[in-house]
Structure formats: structure tokens, C-alpha cells
PDB file of all heavy atoms in Angstrom:
ATOM      1  N   LEU A   1       0.810  -1.205  -0.007  1.00  0.00           N
ATOM      2  CA  LEU A   1      -0.008   0.008  -0.005  1.00  0.00           C
ATOM      3  C   LEU A   1       0.855   1.261   0.001  1.00  0.00           C
ATOM      4  O   LEU A   1       0.556   2.256  -0.685  1.00  0.00           O
ATOM      5  CB  LEU A   1      -0.910  -0.026   1.236  1.00  0.00           C
ATOM      6  CG  LEU A   1      -1.861   1.149   1.409  1.00  0.00           C
ATOM      7  CD1 LEU A   1      -2.988   1.095   0.400  1.00  0.00           C
ATOM      8  CD2 LEU A   1      -2.435   1.178   2.841  1.00  0.00           C
ATOM      9  N   ARG A   2       1.939   1.240   0.778  1.00  0.00           N
ATOM     10  CA  ARG A   2       2.837   2.403   0.857  1.00  0.00           C
ATOM     11  C   ARG A   2       4.026   2.199  -0.077  1.00  0.00           C
ATOM     12  O   ARG A   2       5.184   2.395   0.305  1.00  0.00           O
ATOM     13  CB  ARG A   2       3.322   2.556   2.301  1.00  0.00           C
ATOM     14  CG  ARG A   2       2.190   2.843   3.283  1.00  0.00           C
ATOM     15  CD  ARG A   2       1.573   4.196   3.025  1.00  0.00           C
ATOM     16  NE  ARG A   2       0.596   4.588   4.024  1.00  0.00           N
ATOM     17  CZ  ARG A   2      -0.123   5.682   3.993  1.00  0.00           C
ATOM     18  NH1 ARG A   2       0.036   6.519   2.988  1.00  0.00           N
ATOM     19  NH2 ARG A   2      -0.992   5.992   4.937  1.00  0.00           N
ATOM     20  N   SER A   3       3.786   1.821  -1.282  1.00  0.00           N
ATOM     21  CA  SER A   3       4.803   1.437  -2.254  1.00  0.00           C
ATOM     22  C   SER A   3       5.873   2.528  -2.452  1.00  0.00           C
ATOM     23  O   SER A   3       5.570   3.689  -2.794  1.00  0.00           O
ATOM     24  CB  SER A   3       4.147   1.169  -3.589  1.00  0.00           C
ATOM     25  OG  SER A   3       5.104   1.037  -4.620  1.00  0.00           O
ATOM     26  N   THR A   4       7.119   2.135  -2.209  1.00  0.00           N
ATOM     27  CA  THR A   4       8.244   3.013  -2.497  1.00  0.00           C
ATOM     28  C   THR A   4       8.372   3.296  -3.992  1.00  0.00           C
ATOM     29  O   THR A   4       8.631   4.414  -4.428  1.00  0.00           O
ATOM     30  CB  THR A   4       9.556   2.406  -1.961  1.00  0.00           C
ATOM     31  OG1 THR A   4       9.487   2.293  -0.541  1.00  0.00           O
ATOM     32  CG2 THR A   4      10.775   3.272  -2.345  1.00  0.00           C
ATOM     33  N   VAL A   5       8.137   2.250  -4.785  1.00  0.00           N
ATOM     34  CA  VAL A   5       8.277   2.416  -6.228  1.00  0.00           C
ATOM     35  C   VAL A   5       7.203   3.362  -6.735  1.00  0.00           C
ATOM     36  O   VAL A   5       7.495   4.216  -7.596  1.00  0.00           O
ATOM     37  CB  VAL A   5       8.168   1.048  -6.938  1.00  0.00           C
ATOM     38  CG1 VAL A   5       8.160   1.193  -8.462  1.00  0.00           C
ATOM     39  CG2 VAL A   5       9.345   0.140  -6.523  1.00  0.00           C
ATOM     40  N   ARG A   6       5.986   3.236  -6.243  1.00  0.00           N
ATOM     41  CA  ARG A   6       4.953   4.160  -6.690  1.00  0.00           C
ATOM     42  C   ARG A   6       5.316   5.599  -6.342  1.00  0.00           C
ATOM     43  O   ARG A   6       5.095   6.532  -7.129  1.00  0.00           O
ATOM     44  CB  ARG A   6       3.610   3.779  -6.050  1.00  0.00           C
ATOM     45  CG  ARG A   6       2.433   4.524  -6.651  1.00  0.00           C
ATOM     46  CD  ARG A   6       1.086   4.103  -6.026  1.00  0.00           C
ATOM     47  NE  ARG A   6       1.000   4.510  -4.637  1.00  0.00           N
ATOM     48  CZ  ARG A   6       0.727   3.686  -3.637  1.00  0.00           C
ATOM     49  NH1 ARG A   6       0.519   2.385  -3.865  1.00  0.00           N
ATOM     50  NH2 ARG A   6       0.675   4.116  -2.397  1.00  0.00           N
ATOM     51  N   ARG A   7       5.876   5.813  -5.152  1.00  0.00           N
ATOM     52  CA  ARG A   7       6.275   7.156  -4.772  1.00  0.00           C
ATOM     53  C   ARG A   7       7.394   7.674  -5.648  1.00  0.00           C
ATOM     54  O   ARG A   7       7.381   8.877  -6.020  1.00  0.00           O
ATOM     55  CB  ARG A   7       6.713   7.132  -3.286  1.00  0.00           C
ATOM     56  CG  ARG A   7       7.250   8.482  -2.785  1.00  0.00           C
ATOM     57  CD  ARG A   7       7.542   8.404  -1.315  1.00  0.00           C
ATOM     58  NE  ARG A   7       8.423   7.308  -0.969  1.00  0.00           N
ATOM     59  CZ  ARG A   7       9.771   7.329  -1.079  1.00  0.00           C
ATOM     60  NH1 ARG A   7      10.352   8.417  -1.568  1.00  0.00           N
ATOM     61  NH2 ARG A   7      10.486   6.302  -0.720  1.00  0.00           N
ATOM     62  N   LEU A   8       8.350   6.843  -6.016  1.00  0.00           N
ATOM     63  CA  LEU A   8       9.491   7.309  -6.803  1.00  0.00           C
ATOM     64  C   LEU A   8       9.144   7.517  -8.272  1.00  0.00           C
ATOM     65  O   LEU A   8       9.641   8.449  -8.907  1.00  0.00           O
ATOM     66  CB  LEU A   8      10.629   6.298  -6.680  1.00  0.00           C
ATOM     67  CG  LEU A   8      11.322   6.185  -5.319  1.00  0.00           C
ATOM     68  CD1 LEU A   8      12.331   5.035  -5.327  1.00  0.00           C
ATOM     69  CD2 LEU A   8      12.020   7.480  -4.948  1.00  0.00           C
ATOM     70  N   VAL A   9       8.343   6.628  -8.832  1.00  0.00           N
ATOM     71  CA  VAL A   9       8.109   6.639 -10.298  1.00  0.00           C
ATOM     72  C   VAL A   9       6.790   7.316 -10.621  1.00  0.00           C
ATOM     73  O   VAL A   9       6.653   7.909 -11.725  1.00  0.00           O
ATOM     74  CB  VAL A   9       8.116   5.206 -10.849  1.00  0.00           C
ATOM     75  CG1 VAL A   9       7.872   5.181 -12.349  1.00  0.00           C
ATOM     76  CG2 VAL A   9       9.454   4.549 -10.527  1.00  0.00           C
ATOM     77  N   PHE A  10       5.797   7.289  -9.744  1.00  0.00           N
ATOM     78  CA  PHE A  10       4.477   7.822 -10.032  1.00  0.00           C
ATOM     79  C   PHE A  10       4.109   8.880  -9.003  1.00  0.00           C
ATOM     80  O   PHE A  10       3.095   8.736  -8.303  1.00  0.00           O
ATOM     81  CB  PHE A  10       3.445   6.716 -10.022  1.00  0.00           C
ATOM     82  CG  PHE A  10       3.712   5.528 -10.906  1.00  0.00           C
ATOM     83  CD1 PHE A  10       4.524   4.488 -10.448  1.00  0.00           C
ATOM     84  CD2 PHE A  10       3.128   5.420 -12.165  1.00  0.00           C
ATOM     85  CE1 PHE A  10       4.777   3.405 -11.258  1.00  0.00           C
ATOM     86  CE2 PHE A  10       3.378   4.311 -12.953  1.00  0.00           C
ATOM     87  CZ  PHE A  10       4.201   3.304 -12.493  1.00  0.00           C
ATOM     88  N   PRO A  11       4.892   9.928  -8.811  1.00  0.00           N
ATOM     89  CA  PRO A  11       4.603  10.913  -7.760  1.00  0.00           C
ATOM     90  C   PRO A  11       3.286  11.626  -7.903  1.00  0.00           C
ATOM     91  O   PRO A  11       2.756  12.207  -6.948  1.00  0.00           O
ATOM     92  CB  PRO A  11       5.797  11.865  -7.812  1.00  0.00           C
ATOM     93  CG  PRO A  11       6.274  11.754  -9.230  1.00  0.00           C
ATOM     94  CD  PRO A  11       6.062  10.339  -9.613  1.00  0.00           C
ATOM     95  N   ASP A  12       2.701  11.593  -9.094  1.00  0.00           N
ATOM     96  CA  ASP A  12       1.472  12.323  -9.363  1.00  0.00           C
ATOM     97  C   ASP A  12       0.222  11.491  -9.002  1.00  0.00           C
ATOM     98  O   ASP A  12      -0.875  12.040  -8.955  1.00  0.00           O
ATOM     99  CB  ASP A  12       1.373  12.710 -10.838  1.00  0.00           C
ATOM    100  CG  ASP A  12       1.459  11.481 -11.775  1.00  0.00           C
ATOM    101  OD1 ASP A  12       2.354  10.621 -11.549  1.00  0.00           O
ATOM    102  OD2 ASP A  12       0.629  11.359 -12.692  1.00  0.00           O
ATOM    103  N   LEU A  13       0.416  10.205  -8.732  1.00  0.00           N
ATOM    104  CA  LEU A  13      -0.772   9.354  -8.445  1.00  0.00           C
ATOM    105  C   LEU A  13      -1.310   9.660  -7.038  1.00  0.00           C
ATOM    106  O   LEU A  13      -0.545  10.041  -6.139  1.00  0.00           O
ATOM    107  CB  LEU A  13      -0.402   7.887  -8.572  1.00  0.00           C
ATOM    108  CG  LEU A  13      -0.056   7.399  -9.976  1.00  0.00           C
ATOM    109  CD1 LEU A  13       0.186   5.910  -9.953  1.00  0.00           C
ATOM    110  CD2 LEU A  13      -1.180   7.736 -10.961  1.00  0.00           C
ATOM    111  N   PRO A  14      -2.619   9.439  -6.831  1.00  0.00           N
ATOM    112  CA  PRO A  14      -3.194   9.728  -5.508  1.00  0.00           C
ATOM    113  C   PRO A  14      -2.653   8.786  -4.437  1.00  0.00           C
ATOM    114  O   PRO A  14      -2.259   7.646  -4.719  1.00  0.00           O
ATOM    115  CB  PRO A  14      -4.700   9.508  -5.739  1.00  0.00           C
ATOM    116  CG  PRO A  14      -4.786   8.647  -6.945  1.00  0.00           C
ATOM    117  CD  PRO A  14      -3.621   9.002  -7.811  1.00  0.00           C
ATOM    118  N   GLU A  15      -2.630   9.278  -3.209  1.00  0.00           N
ATOM    119  CA  GLU A  15      -2.183   8.511  -2.056  1.00  0.00           C
ATOM    120  C   GLU A  15      -3.357   7.785  -1.413  1.00  0.00           C
ATOM    121  O   GLU A  15      -4.525   8.188  -1.575  1.00  0.00           O
ATOM    122  CB  GLU A  15      -1.508   9.445  -1.061  1.00  0.00           C
ATOM    123  CG  GLU A  15      -0.176  10.004  -1.513  1.00  0.00           C
ATOM    124  CD  GLU A  15       0.911   8.934  -1.647  1.00  0.00           C
ATOM    125  OE1 GLU A  15       1.031   8.098  -0.729  1.00  0.00           O
ATOM    126  OE2 GLU A  15       1.606   8.919  -2.681  1.00  0.00           O
ATOM    127  N   PRO A  16      -3.091   6.726  -0.658  1.00  0.00           N
ATOM    128  CA  PRO A  16      -4.153   6.070   0.107  1.00  0.00           C
ATOM    129  C   PRO A  16      -4.836   7.027   1.058  1.00  0.00           C
ATOM    130  O   PRO A  16      -4.188   7.943   1.620  1.00  0.00           O
ATOM    131  CB  PRO A  16      -3.419   4.947   0.870  1.00  0.00           C
ATOM    132  CG  PRO A  16      -2.145   4.740   0.110  1.00  0.00           C
ATOM    133  CD  PRO A  16      -1.782   6.051  -0.463  1.00  0.00           C
ATOM    134  N   VAL A  17      -6.118   6.824   1.297  1.00  0.00           N
ATOM    135  CA  VAL A  17      -6.903   7.699   2.165  1.00  0.00           C
ATOM    136  C   VAL A  17      -7.417   6.880   3.335  1.00  0.00           C
ATOM    137  O   VAL A  17      -7.987   5.786   3.154  1.00  0.00           O
ATOM    138  CB  VAL A  17      -8.088   8.296   1.381  1.00  0.00           C
ATOM    139  CG1 VAL A  17      -8.951   9.179   2.287  1.00  0.00           C
ATOM    140  CG2 VAL A  17      -7.595   9.104   0.190  1.00  0.00           C
ATOM    141  N   TYR A  18      -7.247   7.390   4.559  1.00  0.00           N
ATOM    142  CA  TYR A  18      -7.731   6.692   5.712  1.00  0.00           C
ATOM    143  C   TYR A  18      -9.257   6.568   5.690  1.00  0.00           C
ATOM    144  O   TYR A  18      -9.977   7.541   5.426  1.00  0.00           O
ATOM    145  CB  TYR A  18      -7.276   7.426   6.961  1.00  0.00           C
ATOM    146  CG  TYR A  18      -7.813   6.864   8.271  1.00  0.00           C
ATOM    147  CD1 TYR A  18      -7.597   5.510   8.599  1.00  0.00           C
ATOM    148  CD2 TYR A  18      -8.504   7.659   9.172  1.00  0.00           C
ATOM    149  CE1 TYR A  18      -8.089   4.996   9.779  1.00  0.00           C
ATOM    150  CE2 TYR A  18      -8.989   7.162  10.353  1.00  0.00           C
ATOM    151  CZ  TYR A  18      -8.769   5.805  10.649  1.00  0.00           C
ATOM    152  OH  TYR A  18      -9.273   5.262  11.853  1.00  0.00           O
ATOM    153  N   SER A  19      -9.768   5.349   5.954  1.00  0.00           N
ATOM    154  CA  SER A  19     -11.188   5.075   5.815  1.00  0.00           C
ATOM    155  C   SER A  19     -12.021   5.436   7.035  1.00  0.00           C
ATOM    156  O   SER A  19     -13.260   5.405   6.976  1.00  0.00           O
ATOM    157  CB  SER A  19     -11.355   3.560   5.551  1.00  0.00           C
ATOM    158  OG  SER A  19     -11.042   2.818   6.709  1.00  0.00           O
ATOM    159  N   GLY A  20     -11.344   5.765   8.140  1.00  0.00           N
ATOM    160  CA  GLY A  20     -12.082   6.010   9.375  1.00  0.00           C
ATOM    161  C   GLY A  20     -12.210   4.809  10.267  1.00  0.00           C
ATOM    162  O   GLY A  20     -12.798   4.890  11.334  1.00  0.00           O
ATOM    163  N   LEU A  21     -11.647   3.664   9.807  1.00  0.00           N
ATOM    164  CA  LEU A  21     -11.694   2.439  10.602  1.00  0.00           C
ATOM    165  C   LEU A  21     -10.295   1.964  10.926  1.00  0.00           C
ATOM    166  O   LEU A  21      -9.365   2.121  10.122  1.00  0.00           O
ATOM    167  CB  LEU A  21     -12.419   1.332   9.821  1.00  0.00           C
ATOM    168  CG  LEU A  21     -13.913   1.546   9.515  1.00  0.00           C
ATOM    169  CD1 LEU A  21     -14.407   0.470   8.555  1.00  0.00           C
ATOM    170  CD2 LEU A  21     -14.745   1.520  10.792  1.00  0.00           C
ATOM    171  N   VAL A  22     -10.154   1.375  12.120  1.00  0.00           N
ATOM    172  CA  VAL A  22      -8.873   0.792  12.509  1.00  0.00           C
ATOM    173  C   VAL A  22      -9.134  -0.626  13.031  1.00  0.00           C
ATOM    174  O   VAL A  22     -10.182  -0.902  13.615  1.00  0.00           O
ATOM    175  CB  VAL A  22      -8.163   1.651  13.587  1.00  0.00           C
ATOM    176  CG1 VAL A  22      -9.015   1.756  14.847  1.00  0.00           C
ATOM    177  CG2 VAL A  22      -6.794   1.111  13.940  1.00  0.00           C
ATOM    178  N   GLY A  23      -8.194  -1.536  12.771  1.00  0.00           N
ATOM    179  CA  GLY A  23      -8.368  -2.917  13.167  1.00  0.00           C
ATOM    180  C   GLY A  23      -7.281  -3.399  14.099  1.00  0.00           C
ATOM    181  O   GLY A  23      -6.187  -2.849  14.166  1.00  0.00           O
ATOM    182  N   ASN A  24      -7.587  -4.470  14.801  1.00  0.00           N
ATOM    183  CA  ASN A  24      -6.652  -5.197  15.654  1.00  0.00           C
ATOM    184  C   ASN A  24      -6.881  -6.694  15.377  1.00  0.00           C
ATOM    185  O   ASN A  24      -7.875  -7.078  14.783  1.00  0.00           O
ATOM    186  CB  ASN A  24      -6.856  -4.924  17.133  1.00  0.00           C
ATOM    187  CG  ASN A  24      -6.685  -3.454  17.469  1.00  0.00           C
ATOM    188  OD1 ASN A  24      -5.589  -2.978  17.625  1.00  0.00           O
ATOM    189  ND2 ASN A  24      -7.821  -2.737  17.582  1.00  0.00           N
ATOM    190  N   GLY A  25      -5.976  -7.511  15.864  1.00  0.00           N
ATOM    191  CA  GLY A  25      -6.208  -8.936  15.716  1.00  0.00           C
ATOM    192  C   GLY A  25      -5.015  -9.721  16.191  1.00  0.00           C
ATOM    193  O   GLY A  25      -3.951  -9.179  16.495  1.00  0.00           O
ATOM    194  N   GLY A  26      -5.200 -11.023  16.278  1.00  0.00           N
ATOM    195  CA  GLY A  26      -4.116 -11.865  16.701  1.00  0.00           C
ATOM    196  C   GLY A  26      -4.572 -13.315  16.879  1.00  0.00           C
ATOM    197  O   GLY A  26      -5.705 -13.704  16.523  1.00  0.00           O
ATOM    198  N   VAL A  27      -3.699 -14.095  17.478  1.00  0.00           N
ATOM    199  CA  VAL A  27      -3.940 -15.493  17.756  1.00  0.00           C
ATOM    200  C   VAL A  27      -3.603 -15.726  19.211  1.00  0.00           C
ATOM    201  O   VAL A  27      -2.514 -15.407  19.684  1.00  0.00           O
ATOM    202  CB  VAL A  27      -3.055 -16.392  16.854  1.00  0.00           C
ATOM    203  CG1 VAL A  27      -3.333 -17.847  17.130  1.00  0.00           C
ATOM    204  CG2 VAL A  27      -3.253 -16.057  15.390  1.00  0.00           C
ATOM    205  N   ILE A  28      -4.567 -16.279  19.982  1.00  0.00           N
ATOM    206  CA  ILE A  28      -4.360 -16.440  21.420  1.00  0.00           C
ATOM    207  C   ILE A  28      -5.054 -17.702  21.897  1.00  0.00           C
ATOM    208  O   ILE A  28      -6.122 -18.065  21.378  1.00  0.00           O
ATOM    209  CB  ILE A  28      -4.886 -15.195  22.160  1.00  0.00           C
ATOM    210  CG1 ILE A  28      -4.535 -15.271  23.665  1.00  0.00           C
ATOM    211  CG2 ILE A  28      -6.390 -15.002  21.961  1.00  0.00           C
ATOM    212  CD1 ILE A  28      -4.789 -13.988  24.416  1.00  0.00           C
ATOM    213  N   ASP A  29      -4.459 -18.366  22.890  1.00  0.00           N
ATOM    214  CA  ASP A  29      -5.073 -19.540  23.500  1.00  0.00           C
ATOM    215  C   ASP A  29      -6.077 -19.096  24.547  1.00  0.00           C
ATOM    216  O   ASP A  29      -5.717 -18.380  25.515  1.00  0.00           O
ATOM    217  CB  ASP A  29      -3.998 -20.422  24.147  1.00  0.00           C
ATOM    218  CG  ASP A  29      -3.212 -21.223  23.144  1.00  0.00           C
ATOM    219  OD1 ASP A  29      -3.835 -21.956  22.349  1.00  0.00           O
ATOM    220  OD2 ASP A  29      -1.986 -21.110  23.120  1.00  0.00           O
ATOM    221  N   VAL A  30      -7.328 -19.524  24.370  1.00  0.00           N
ATOM    222  CA  VAL A  30      -8.364 -19.279  25.358  1.00  0.00           C
ATOM    223  C   VAL A  30      -9.125 -20.613  25.490  1.00  0.00           C
ATOM    224  O   VAL A  30     -10.127 -20.823  24.805  1.00  0.00           O
ATOM    225  CB  VAL A  30      -9.322 -18.122  24.970  1.00  0.00           C
ATOM    226  CG1 VAL A  30     -10.224 -17.734  26.135  1.00  0.00           C
ATOM    227  CG2 VAL A  30      -8.538 -16.901  24.480  1.00  0.00           C
ATOM    228  N   PRO A  31      -8.631 -21.522  26.338  1.00  0.00           N
ATOM    229  CA  PRO A  31      -9.168 -22.891  26.358  1.00  0.00           C
ATOM    230  C   PRO A  31     -10.675 -22.992  26.619  1.00  0.00           C
ATOM    231  O   PRO A  31     -11.334 -23.883  26.107  1.00  0.00           O
ATOM    232  CB  PRO A  31      -8.387 -23.564  27.499  1.00  0.00           C
ATOM    233  CG  PRO A  31      -7.110 -22.777  27.553  1.00  0.00           C
ATOM    234  CD  PRO A  31      -7.494 -21.377  27.241  1.00  0.00           C
ATOM    235  N   GLU A  32     -11.232 -22.049  27.383  1.00  0.00           N
ATOM    236  CA  GLU A  32     -12.642 -22.141  27.743  1.00  0.00           C
ATOM    237  C   GLU A  32     -13.588 -21.727  26.620  1.00  0.00           C
ATOM    238  O   GLU A  32     -14.799 -21.936  26.714  1.00  0.00           O
ATOM    239  CB  GLU A  32     -12.940 -21.299  28.992  1.00  0.00           C
ATOM    240  CG  GLU A  32     -12.632 -19.809  28.840  1.00  0.00           C
ATOM    241  CD  GLU A  32     -11.206 -19.435  29.259  1.00  0.00           C
ATOM    242  OE1 GLU A  32     -10.287 -20.311  29.149  1.00  0.00           O
ATOM    243  OE2 GLU A  32     -11.001 -18.275  29.670  1.00  0.00           O
ATOM    244  N   VAL A  33     -13.040 -21.177  25.566  1.00  0.00           N
ATOM    245  CA  VAL A  33     -13.883 -20.831  24.406  1.00  0.00           C
ATOM    246  C   VAL A  33     -14.073 -22.068  23.538  1.00  0.00           C
ATOM    247  O   VAL A  33     -13.116 -22.704  23.122  1.00  0.00           O
ATOM    248  CB  VAL A  33     -13.216 -19.679  23.585  1.00  0.00           C
ATOM    249  CG1 VAL A  33     -13.989 -19.465  22.282  1.00  0.00           C
ATOM    250  CG2 VAL A  33     -13.174 -18.396  24.391  1.00  0.00           C
ATOM    251  N   PRO A  34     -15.330 -22.447  23.266  1.00  0.00           N
ATOM    252  CA  PRO A  34     -15.554 -23.670  22.444  1.00  0.00           C
ATOM    253  C   PRO A  34     -15.198 -23.441  20.973  1.00  0.00           C
ATOM    254  O   PRO A  34     -15.155 -22.310  20.490  1.00  0.00           O
ATOM    255  CB  PRO A  34     -17.049 -23.919  22.613  1.00  0.00           C
ATOM    256  CG  PRO A  34     -17.639 -22.605  22.977  1.00  0.00           C
ATOM    257  CD  PRO A  34     -16.573 -21.842  23.736  1.00  0.00           C
ATOM    258  N   ALA A  35     -14.935 -24.534  20.292  1.00  0.00           N
ATOM    259  CA  ALA A  35     -14.606 -24.494  18.854  1.00  0.00           C
ATOM    260  C   ALA A  35     -15.833 -23.945  18.114  1.00  0.00           C
ATOM    261  O   ALA A  35     -16.976 -24.166  18.505  1.00  0.00           O
ATOM    262  CB  ALA A  35     -14.239 -25.864  18.362  1.00  0.00           C
ATOM    263  N   THR A  36     -15.560 -23.308  16.992  1.00  0.00           N
ATOM    264  CA  THR A  36     -16.654 -22.752  16.161  1.00  0.00           C
ATOM    265  C   THR A  36     -17.008 -23.651  15.000  1.00  0.00           C
ATOM    266  O   THR A  36     -17.848 -23.311  14.169  1.00  0.00           O
ATOM    267  CB  THR A  36     -16.270 -21.361  15.663  1.00  0.00           C
ATOM    268  OG1 THR A  36     -15.131 -21.467  14.789  1.00  0.00           O
ATOM    269  CG2 THR A  36     -15.931 -20.413  16.813  1.00  0.00           C
ATOM    270  N   ASN A  37     -16.340 -24.818  14.897  1.00  0.00           N
ATOM    271  CA  ASN A  37     -16.652 -25.798  13.877  1.00  0.00           C
ATOM    272  C   ASN A  37     -16.586 -25.220  12.457  1.00  0.00           C
ATOM    273  O   ASN A  37     -17.448 -25.439  11.618  1.00  0.00           O
ATOM    274  CB  ASN A  37     -18.056 -26.393  14.133  1.00  0.00           C
ATOM    275  CG  ASN A  37     -18.142 -27.084  15.469  1.00  0.00           C
ATOM    276  OD1 ASN A  37     -17.226 -27.830  15.863  1.00  0.00           O
ATOM    277  ND2 ASN A  37     -19.182 -26.827  16.205  1.00  0.00           N
TER     278      ASN A  37
END
């Protein structure tokens, strides 16, 4: 998304725009949570 090549070769092209949303995520052991099948 933050391409160095795009910045160097295509400086006139539009930049990414923040959508107003931010995300988080990961992988964690929580034994008491049942499988979702």
C-alpha cells in the first residue's frame, strides 16, 4: 500500500486515504472458548 516504487516513479498518483476504521487482531489460546466448527 505504501509502495516506495509508486512514490518514486508515479509521484502524481493519488495517495491512500484513511477510511475512518482501525483494526486489531491476533492469535491467542483461550481454552474455555468452544470451537466454532
